[in-house]
């Protein structure tokens, strides 16, 4: 998932796969996984981000090297494990839990984007604009839901399902019936979370149901608890 450190310390670490069970596509001989953020990166990458912190990016993130597959959805060959395609959906995101305390020494530069995937990708077959398409769907801890073509990882749609935070956003437990995508929103930052079809704004966690074809939010309802501890 990451460039080879050649046995040297101070390089890449992270990009963990921690989103429950991967999905298998027997037709394409693919297995779909999603990865988390980096815990460390080489000095050249940290220096790159320090430079970007002081300017407005004008193009693709130059701090993301081609073999850095953190915060990504990937299709792997079911037999060999080779990467068939990868879609990086998080940008620069180097962080570890101790950095929740700003006074912790040695924390990497840059903001934590909370862009890791903690839910496994799900495979669906949908009729979109009159054409059946095989897609894979995954939700990030920052609350974004991504739908990609299973052949090559190109974007079908994306939508913001709810507030993201270190503890979620989407956290485990997503499901689908091939018509609706269901995910939880842990809302660990206790942000206002607008429900639908009502317009109440609780600050607890909740659940979201989305139309898998249109990405439209069908309903949102809430729990009385921070969902990481109640899932």
Foldseek 3Di string as FASTA:
>chain_A
DADDPVPDPQAWDFFDFAAPAWDADPVVQKTKTFTAAIQGHHPVLLVLVVVCVPDPDDDPRPSDDPRPQHLKIFIARNPPRHTPEIDRDQHHAHADDVVVPVVDPPTGDDDHRQRGFRHHWDWAWDQAPNRTFIWIWTWTQQQKIFIAGPNYGHGPDMDRHWGHDNLGDFHHDWDDPRFKTKTKTLLPVQFFTQWPPHGHTGSGIWMWIAGPHPRHTPTIDGDPHRCVVVD
